[in-house]
Protein backbone atom coordinates (compact mmCIF):
# COMPACT_ATOMS: atom_id res chain seq x y z
CA MET A 1 0.13 -0.21 0.17
CA SER A 2 1.18 3.62 -0.37
CA PHE A 3 0.37 6.58 1.25
CA PRO A 4 -3.24 7.65 -0.94
CA TYR A 5 -2.72 11.41 -0.14
CA LYS A 6 -0.99 13.60 -3.16
CA THR A 7 -1.07 17.44 -1.22
CA VAL A 8 -0.55 17.47 2.29
CA LEU A 9 -0.66 20.92 5.07
CA VAL A 10 1.71 20.39 7.79
CA LEU A 11 0.70 22.30 10.83
CA GLY A 12 4.30 22.68 12.63
CA ALA A 13 6.35 21.33 10.44
CA THR A 14 9.46 23.25 11.66
CA SER A 15 11.07 20.35 13.45
CA GLY A 16 10.59 17.15 15.83
CA ILE A 17 7.67 15.37 14.39
CA GLY A 18 6.48 17.04 11.86
CA LEU A 19 9.63 18.33 9.98
CA ALA A 20 10.26 14.51 9.81
CA LEU A 21 6.66 13.73 7.97
CA ALA A 22 6.91 16.23 6.34
CA GLU A 23 10.57 14.58 4.62
CA LYS A 24 8.86 11.27 4.58
CA LEU A 25 5.85 12.37 2.46
CA ILE A 26 8.35 13.93 -0.22
CA GLU A 27 10.29 10.63 0.08
CA ASN A 28 6.89 8.77 -0.90
CA GLY A 29 5.62 11.40 -3.49
CA SER A 30 3.72 14.12 -1.79
CA HIS A 31 3.67 17.92 -2.51
CA VAL A 32 4.17 19.55 1.61
CA ILE A 33 2.20 22.82 2.49
CA ALA A 34 4.80 23.55 5.69
CA VAL A 35 3.15 25.39 8.16
CA GLY A 36 5.50 27.24 11.35
CA ARG A 37 6.52 29.66 12.71
CA ARG A 38 10.08 29.87 12.13
CA LYS A 39 10.32 31.49 8.72
CA GLU A 40 14.02 30.34 8.71
CA ASN A 41 13.19 26.87 9.01
CA LEU A 42 10.54 27.03 6.80
CA ASP A 43 12.95 28.85 3.92
CA SER A 44 15.30 26.12 4.78
CA PHE A 45 13.17 22.82 3.61
CA VAL A 46 11.61 24.56 0.39
CA SER A 47 15.46 25.40 -0.69
CA GLU A 48 16.14 21.68 0.05
CA HIS A 49 13.14 19.79 -1.13
CA GLY A 50 12.72 22.68 -4.23
CA LYS A 51 9.78 24.32 -4.83
CA GLU A 52 8.29 21.30 -7.31
CA LYS A 53 8.13 19.36 -3.96
CA ALA A 54 7.82 21.92 -0.96
CA SER A 55 6.31 25.30 -0.10
CA SER A 56 5.74 26.89 2.90
CA ILE A 57 3.50 29.15 4.54
CA GLN A 58 4.44 31.11 7.71
CA PHE A 59 1.71 31.13 10.67
CA ASP A 60 1.35 31.05 13.97
CA ILE A 61 -1.71 29.13 14.94
CA THR A 62 -2.38 30.46 17.84
CA ASP A 63 -3.45 33.67 16.44
CA LEU A 64 -7.32 32.55 16.32
CA SER A 65 -8.72 35.08 14.25
CA SER A 66 -6.13 34.61 11.21
CA ILE A 67 -7.28 30.85 10.97
CA PRO A 68 -9.97 31.98 8.14
CA SER A 69 -8.32 33.87 6.18
CA PHE A 70 -4.92 31.57 6.35
CA VAL A 71 -7.51 28.81 5.39
CA ASP A 72 -9.00 30.62 2.42
CA SER A 73 -5.40 31.40 1.72
CA VAL A 74 -4.08 28.12 1.68
CA ILE A 75 -7.12 26.65 -0.49
CA LYS A 76 -6.46 29.62 -3.30
CA HIS A 77 -3.08 29.02 -3.78
CA HIS A 78 -2.77 24.93 -2.95
CA PRO A 79 -6.29 23.81 -4.25
CA SER A 80 -5.53 20.19 -5.02
CA LEU A 81 -5.13 20.29 -1.35
CA ASP A 82 -6.19 16.90 0.06
CA SER A 83 -4.84 16.01 3.71
CA ILE A 84 -4.29 18.25 6.16
CA ILE A 85 -1.70 16.84 9.58
CA LEU A 86 -2.56 18.69 12.39
CA ASN A 87 1.03 18.45 14.38
CA SER A 88 1.30 21.62 15.93
CA GLY A 89 2.31 21.19 19.91
CA ILE A 90 3.93 22.73 23.00
CA GLN A 91 4.96 21.35 26.43
CA ARG A 92 5.32 23.81 29.73
CA PRO A 93 5.68 22.58 33.56
CA LEU A 94 2.83 23.25 35.37
CA ASN A 95 3.46 22.61 39.48
CA PHE A 96 0.34 23.27 41.96
CA THR A 97 2.81 22.57 45.31
CA HIS A 98 3.68 25.96 44.33
CA PRO A 99 1.40 28.28 42.67
CA LYS A 100 2.50 31.60 42.53
CA SER A 101 5.55 29.78 39.99
CA ILE A 102 2.17 29.40 37.41
CA ASP A 103 1.96 31.71 34.47
CA LEU A 104 -1.68 31.79 33.41
CA ASP A 105 -1.06 33.21 30.23
CA VAL A 106 1.20 30.20 29.44
CA VAL A 107 -1.60 27.85 30.38
CA GLY A 108 -3.40 29.87 28.03
CA ASP A 109 -1.09 29.27 25.18
CA GLU A 110 -0.46 25.87 25.42
CA PHE A 111 -4.12 25.03 25.49
CA SER A 112 -4.71 26.85 22.17
CA THR A 113 -1.64 25.98 20.73
CA ASN A 114 -2.99 22.14 21.24
CA TYR A 115 -6.63 22.13 21.71
CA LEU A 116 -8.31 25.35 20.41
CA ALA A 117 -6.23 25.70 17.40
CA PRO A 118 -7.06 22.92 15.94
CA VAL A 119 -11.09 23.23 16.57
CA HIS A 120 -10.56 26.07 14.27
CA ILE A 121 -8.84 24.44 11.80
CA ILE A 122 -11.06 21.90 11.74
CA LYS A 123 -13.91 24.11 11.65
CA ALA A 124 -12.28 26.72 8.57
CA PHE A 125 -11.26 23.51 6.79
CA LEU A 126 -14.27 20.69 6.75
CA PRO A 127 -16.42 22.47 4.14
CA PHE A 128 -13.45 22.71 1.50
CA LEU A 129 -12.48 18.78 2.27
CA GLN A 130 -16.11 17.53 2.27
CA ARG A 131 -16.44 19.23 -1.27
CA GLN A 132 -14.12 17.24 -2.47
CA SER A 133 -14.86 13.79 -5.12
CA ALA A 134 -11.98 12.13 -3.83
CA PRO A 135 -10.65 10.87 -0.33
CA THR A 136 -9.66 13.21 1.94
CA SER A 137 -7.88 13.36 5.69
CA LEU A 138 -7.38 15.25 9.06
CA ILE A 139 -4.23 13.44 10.85
CA PHE A 140 -4.04 14.51 14.16
CA THR A 141 -0.76 14.15 16.36
CA THR A 142 -1.49 13.73 20.13
CA SER A 143 0.48 12.28 22.62
CA GLY A 144 0.69 9.13 24.96
CA LEU A 145 -0.11 11.37 28.18
CA ALA A 146 -3.72 11.67 26.47
CA LEU A 147 -4.10 8.25 27.56
CA THR A 148 -1.98 7.78 30.59
CA PRO A 149 -1.06 11.42 32.08
CA ILE A 150 2.03 12.46 34.06
CA LEU A 151 2.76 15.01 37.47
CA ARG A 152 5.29 17.50 35.66
CA CYS A 153 3.02 18.56 32.90
CA GLY A 154 -1.40 18.84 33.81
CA ASN A 155 -1.94 21.10 30.98
CA TYR A 156 -0.34 19.53 28.09
CA CYS A 157 -1.81 16.24 29.40
CA ALA A 158 -5.20 17.69 29.70
CA SER A 159 -4.99 19.55 26.34
CA LYS A 160 -3.96 16.39 24.55
CA ALA A 161 -6.89 14.24 26.43
CA ALA A 162 -9.46 16.47 25.22
CA LEU A 163 -8.19 16.75 21.16
CA HIS A 164 -8.37 13.04 21.88
CA HIS A 165 -12.14 12.84 22.82
CA LEU A 166 -12.81 15.49 20.29
CA ILE A 167 -10.83 12.85 17.53
CA LEU A 168 -13.38 10.11 18.85
CA VAL A 169 -16.05 12.29 18.27
CA LEU A 170 -15.17 13.83 15.01
CA ARG A 171 -14.41 10.59 13.47
CA GLU A 172 -17.88 9.30 14.02
CA GLN A 173 -19.72 12.35 12.95
CA LEU A 174 -17.71 11.97 9.66
CA LYS A 175 -17.94 8.08 9.22
CA GLY A 176 -18.82 7.55 5.57
CA SER A 177 -18.04 10.95 4.27
CA ASN A 178 -14.94 11.19 2.12
CA VAL A 179 -13.22 12.86 5.23
CA LYS A 180 -11.16 10.39 7.13
CA VAL A 181 -10.02 10.86 10.79
CA VAL A 182 -6.83 9.62 12.16
CA GLU A 183 -5.10 9.88 15.29
CA ILE A 184 -0.77 9.36 15.49
CA LEU A 185 -0.48 8.97 19.49
CA PRO A 186 3.44 9.13 19.81
CA PRO A 187 5.61 7.90 23.16
CA ALA A 188 7.78 10.34 24.38
CA VAL A 189 10.19 11.18 21.37
CA GLN A 190 13.83 13.29 20.94
CA THR A 191 12.61 16.28 19.57
CA GLU A 192 12.11 19.90 20.90
CA LEU A 193 9.36 19.29 23.09
CA HIS A 194 11.61 18.59 25.85
CA ASP A 195 13.91 21.75 25.32
CA ALA A 196 15.65 23.38 28.25
CA LYS A 197 14.47 27.20 27.66
CA HIS A 198 11.28 26.23 27.96
CA GLN A 199 11.40 23.49 30.48
CA PRO A 200 14.76 23.87 32.31
CA ASP A 201 13.19 21.41 35.14
CA ILE A 202 14.25 18.23 32.43
CA LYS A 203 17.85 17.62 32.55
CA ASP A 204 18.79 16.59 28.45
CA GLY A 205 15.66 16.87 27.21
CA GLY A 206 16.53 15.72 23.54
CA SER A 207 17.80 12.38 24.66
CA ILE A 208 14.38 11.42 26.38
CA GLY A 209 12.18 8.85 24.56
CA MET A 210 11.82 7.18 21.25
CA PRO A 211 14.85 7.98 18.49
CA LEU A 212 12.96 10.71 16.04
CA GLY A 213 13.71 8.40 12.74
CA GLU A 214 12.44 5.15 14.49
CA PHE A 215 9.52 6.76 15.35
CA THR A 216 8.33 8.26 12.00
CA GLU A 217 9.02 4.87 10.08
CA GLU A 218 7.40 2.78 12.62
CA CYS A 219 4.16 5.74 12.17
CA TRP A 220 4.74 5.36 8.18
CA GLU A 221 3.95 2.13 8.22
CA GLY A 222 0.92 2.63 10.43
CA LEU A 223 -0.17 5.84 8.04
CA VAL A 224 0.56 3.76 4.78
CA ALA A 225 -1.20 0.55 5.96
CA GLY A 226 -4.81 2.62 6.54
CA LYS A 227 -5.10 2.93 9.86
CA GLU A 228 -7.36 5.07 11.84
CA ALA A 229 -5.75 4.97 15.61
CA VAL A 230 -1.64 4.56 14.76
CA PRO A 231 0.06 4.49 18.36
CA VAL A 232 3.91 3.83 18.27
CA GLY A 233 6.34 2.37 20.20
CA MET A 234 5.09 2.06 23.22
CA MET A 235 1.90 2.88 23.43
CA LYS A 236 0.97 -0.37 21.62
CA GLY A 237 1.04 -1.52 24.56
CA GLN A 238 -1.58 0.67 25.95
CA TRP A 239 -3.39 0.56 23.52
CA GLY A 240 -5.57 -2.58 24.30
CA TRP A 241 -7.47 -0.99 27.09
CA GLU A 242 -7.98 2.26 24.86
CA GLU A 243 -9.45 0.57 22.16
CA GLU A 244 -12.10 -1.37 24.94
CA ARG A 245 -12.73 2.35 26.25
CA SER A 246 -13.32 3.47 22.37
CA LYS A 247 -15.77 0.64 22.11
CA ARG A 248 -18.11 1.69 25.39
CA PHE A 249 -18.06 4.79 23.10
CA GLY A 250 -19.72 3.04 20.34
CA VAL A 251 -22.12 1.13 22.22
CA MET A 252 -22.79 5.08 23.89
CA VAL A 253 -23.04 6.47 20.65
CA LYS A 254 -25.57 3.55 19.32
CA ALA A 255 -27.66 3.73 21.98
CA MET A 256 -28.05 8.13 21.83
CA ARG A 257 -28.78 7.33 17.85
CA GLY A 258 -31.24 4.50 19.18
CA GLY A 259 -32.90 7.31 21.43
CA GLY A 260 -33.38 9.86 18.23
CA LYS A 261 -30.59 11.65 19.70
């Protein structure tokens, strides 16, 4: 099997998982529209791969009010768009044993990046995707911490849990349509997510977790296989009980629909 989508918008493509997936997509024949805040990284990406295979847009997805115009511009310049990878994410420490250390603006930025911005992106792009005659997809990068939180970054865990539950509902609502909803569930991966600048409580953050190349290959196998849920690495070990919980969600959906709701 091969990856079926040929024009892919990758949000959060300037480093880490987003950049690795963008490069994998190009390697396998897709044109990638890379989106992120760091212009120098975007320019380097396009320069490396060439304008026939890559293009870029500098955009901050936390500028929620600008998302509709951003989406309109993407659609205008890339009418063949058939897949969107929502990969942008940030992680910050949160310690309620020291309440004065908590910056609520940082909490808000984290939740906006990881949850609210994807909601706005979905709403803005869906009408376009639904109009297409061919299959399209929304592909989300969440986290294993959406299923099992850890103590040091509770807001991050909560934001990814919120996105995970939204994905379950979105997939059910779009069932039978031309829009496929896919969730990638990474374990900890060796990326900038754990950088010392924003998470000084972590030592040697870049060495935490699964090597990025190993993650990318395993993730790609799941995407090419057409899976709707792609747990990677140690997340495969947790996926059994999450599948059972998802089945319970399916039972609830049937019951609600049977009740006329």
